[in-house]
Amino acid sequence: LDIKASNEEVTQFLMSSTEEFPQSLSAALSAIEEIRNEVASLAGDEFGSQCIELLAHISAPYSEVAARTLLNGMAGYHLHLASHRYGSHVVQTVLQLAVDSRSKNDLALHEEGPQFNEEADLPSLTDLIISMVDELAPHAAQLAVHVCGSHVLRSLLCVLGGVELMQA
């Protein structure tokens, strides 16, 4: 999967009513649906973390449900992941992409897309972010000076403050 090619494919789909559902987005959404209960575990692995970040870059800009699914998969593990070499990158990436949607319509719920289940018990994006704050706030002093945690804390504060983060 290639992020740039995927974005071009989705843009073409959004601009044309005759195009078929983007294959790269369909593959990313299917993969997220498949790993929804293993996100925290995979985020702690070097290769797994890279895969999750790639899936997030492809899907989250066009699907809040996909971003919420990834964030929900890390709920309860934010502190561990924030202080983890690979997990911290996943938390930062998913958090940043979750609040930066490019599409008015959630493509994970599109009729031509894969069978992506938006469960009624999937928390809202706001609730997921508040949950992350509740989990990390008691440890903010330690995270602020942690080599990985400081980046997660900065990202969370920027999201809460409405500050757009620059992509490197």
Protein backbone atom coordinates (compact mmCIF):
# COMPACT_ATOMS: atom_id res chain seq x y z
CA LEU A 1 0.00 0.00 0.00
CA ASP A 2 1.23 3.46 -0.92
CA ILE A 3 -0.12 6.55 0.88
CA LYS A 4 0.25 8.98 -2.03
CA ALA A 5 -1.28 6.62 -4.58
CA SER A 6 -4.08 5.81 -2.16
CA ASN A 7 -4.88 9.49 -1.62
CA GLU A 8 -5.00 10.03 -5.38
CA GLU A 9 -7.28 7.02 -5.81
CA VAL A 10 -9.66 8.23 -3.08
CA THR A 11 -9.66 11.78 -4.49
CA GLN A 12 -10.65 10.42 -7.90
CA PHE A 13 -13.41 8.37 -6.29
CA LEU A 14 -14.75 11.38 -4.39
CA MET A 15 -14.74 13.55 -7.51
CA SER A 16 -16.40 10.98 -9.81
CA SER A 17 -19.59 9.03 -9.34
CA THR A 18 -18.51 6.39 -11.87
CA GLU A 19 -15.29 5.26 -10.20
CA GLU A 20 -15.34 2.07 -8.16
CA PHE A 21 -14.52 2.12 -4.46
CA PRO A 22 -10.76 2.65 -3.97
CA GLN A 23 -8.98 -0.70 -3.56
CA SER A 24 -6.27 0.64 -1.27
CA LEU A 25 -8.82 2.17 1.08
CA SER A 26 -10.89 -1.00 0.97
CA ALA A 27 -7.81 -3.07 1.88
CA ALA A 28 -6.87 -0.70 4.72
CA LEU A 29 -10.40 -0.70 6.16
CA SER A 30 -10.59 -4.48 5.96
CA ALA A 31 -7.25 -4.79 7.73
CA ILE A 32 -8.35 -2.41 10.50
CA GLU A 33 -11.54 -4.40 10.96
CA GLU A 34 -9.46 -7.57 11.23
CA ILE A 35 -6.99 -6.20 13.83
CA ARG A 36 -9.44 -4.10 15.87
CA ASN A 37 -8.85 -6.20 19.00
CA GLU A 38 -5.07 -6.47 18.54
CA VAL A 39 -4.13 -2.83 17.92
CA ALA A 40 -2.37 -2.25 21.26
CA SER A 41 -0.40 -5.45 20.96
CA LEU A 42 0.64 -4.80 17.37
CA ALA A 43 1.59 -1.19 18.17
CA GLY A 44 4.36 -2.47 20.43
CA ASP A 45 6.02 -4.38 17.61
CA GLU A 46 8.39 -2.69 15.16
CA PHE A 47 6.77 -4.08 12.01
CA GLY A 48 3.25 -4.06 13.50
CA SER A 49 3.54 -0.40 14.44
CA GLN A 50 4.61 0.52 10.91
CA CYS A 51 1.65 -1.39 9.49
CA ILE A 52 -0.82 0.34 11.82
CA GLU A 53 0.60 3.76 10.94
CA LEU A 54 0.30 2.98 7.23
CA LEU A 55 -3.31 1.83 7.68
CA ALA A 56 -4.05 5.00 9.66
CA HIS A 57 -2.52 7.26 7.01
CA ILE A 58 -4.60 5.62 4.30
CA SER A 59 -7.92 5.35 6.13
CA ALA A 60 -8.22 7.95 8.90
CA PRO A 61 -8.34 11.03 6.64
CA TYR A 62 -11.46 9.57 5.00
CA SER A 63 -13.03 7.67 7.87
CA GLU A 64 -13.65 8.75 11.44
CA VAL A 65 -14.92 5.25 12.18
CA ALA A 66 -11.54 3.77 11.16
CA ALA A 67 -9.70 6.29 13.35
CA ARG A 68 -12.06 5.63 16.26
CA THR A 69 -11.57 1.89 15.85
CA LEU A 70 -7.79 2.29 16.07
CA LEU A 71 -8.00 4.66 19.06
CA ASN A 72 -10.45 2.33 20.79
CA GLY A 73 -8.05 -0.56 20.23
CA MET A 74 -5.42 1.31 22.24
CA ALA A 75 -7.76 2.38 25.07
CA GLY A 76 -6.39 1.32 28.43
CA TYR A 77 -2.89 0.96 26.99
CA HIS A 78 -2.13 4.61 26.25
CA LEU A 79 0.35 4.99 29.11
CA HIS A 80 2.24 1.86 28.15
CA LEU A 81 2.25 2.78 24.46
CA ALA A 82 3.16 6.43 25.12
CA SER A 83 6.35 5.32 26.83
CA HIS A 84 7.16 2.68 24.22
CA ARG A 85 9.60 3.17 21.36
CA TYR A 86 7.19 2.02 18.64
CA GLY A 87 3.85 2.40 20.37
CA SER A 88 4.38 6.11 20.95
CA HIS A 89 4.61 6.70 17.21
CA VAL A 90 1.35 4.82 16.66
CA VAL A 91 -0.48 6.81 19.35
CA GLN A 92 0.80 10.11 17.92
CA THR A 93 -0.05 9.22 14.33
CA VAL A 94 -3.54 7.90 15.00
CA LEU A 95 -4.37 10.79 17.34
CA GLN A 96 -3.24 13.42 14.83
CA LEU A 97 -5.00 11.78 11.89
CA ALA A 98 -8.20 11.17 13.85
CA VAL A 99 -8.85 14.88 14.22
CA ASP A 100 -7.88 15.77 10.63
CA SER A 101 -10.57 14.27 8.42
CA ARG A 102 -10.65 15.32 4.76
CA SER A 103 -13.97 13.77 3.87
CA LYS A 104 -17.45 14.91 4.80
CA ASN A 105 -18.79 11.38 4.33
CA ASP A 106 -17.26 8.50 6.27
CA LEU A 107 -16.05 6.14 3.57
CA ALA A 108 -15.88 3.18 5.97
CA LEU A 109 -19.68 3.26 5.93
CA HIS A 110 -20.00 3.65 2.13
CA GLU A 111 -22.25 1.06 0.51
CA GLU A 112 -19.52 0.01 -1.95
CA GLY A 113 -16.86 -0.31 0.73
CA PRO A 114 -15.92 -3.41 2.68
CA GLN A 115 -18.17 -4.66 5.44
CA PHE A 116 -16.80 -2.39 8.16
CA ASN A 117 -18.86 -2.73 11.29
CA GLU A 118 -19.53 0.46 13.20
CA GLU A 119 -20.61 -1.05 16.47
CA ALA A 120 -23.07 0.88 18.59
CA ASP A 121 -20.66 0.60 21.51
CA LEU A 122 -17.76 2.25 19.66
CA PRO A 123 -17.18 5.46 21.63
CA SER A 124 -17.29 8.85 19.92
CA LEU A 125 -14.02 10.51 18.98
CA THR A 126 -14.53 13.04 21.77
CA ASP A 127 -15.06 10.29 24.34
CA LEU A 128 -11.96 8.44 23.14
CA ILE A 129 -9.80 11.56 23.44
CA ILE A 130 -11.22 12.35 26.90
CA SER A 131 -10.49 8.77 27.92
CA MET A 132 -6.90 9.20 26.72
CA VAL A 133 -6.60 12.41 28.74
CA ASP A 134 -7.98 10.66 31.83
CA GLU A 135 -5.48 7.85 31.39
CA LEU A 136 -2.43 10.03 30.77
CA ALA A 137 -3.10 13.11 32.95
CA PRO A 138 -1.99 11.51 36.25
CA HIS A 139 1.34 10.69 34.61
CA ALA A 140 1.89 13.96 32.73
CA ALA A 141 4.96 14.95 34.77
CA GLN A 142 6.71 11.66 33.96
CA LEU A 143 5.63 11.72 30.31
CA ALA A 144 6.85 15.30 29.88
CA VAL A 145 10.45 14.21 30.46
CA HIS A 146 10.23 10.79 28.81
CA VAL A 147 12.03 10.37 25.48
CA CYS A 148 8.88 8.95 23.82
CA GLY A 149 6.13 10.09 26.17
CA SER A 150 6.90 13.78 25.68
CA HIS A 151 5.96 13.52 22.00
CA VAL A 152 2.65 11.82 22.78
CA LEU A 153 1.89 14.39 25.47
CA ARG A 154 2.69 17.25 23.07
CA SER A 155 0.44 15.75 20.40
CA LEU A 156 -2.41 15.32 22.86
CA LEU A 157 -2.06 18.90 24.12
CA CYS A 158 -2.03 20.21 20.54
CA VAL A 159 -5.18 18.24 19.71
CA LEU A 160 -6.90 19.56 22.83
CA GLY A 161 -5.78 23.10 22.07
CA GLY A 162 -6.78 22.95 18.42
CA VAL A 163 -3.23 23.45 17.22
CA GLU A 164 -2.46 21.85 13.88
CA LEU A 165 0.73 19.81 13.95
CA MET A 166 3.16 20.04 11.07
CA GLN A 167 3.96 16.75 9.37
CA ALA A 168 7.67 16.06 8.91
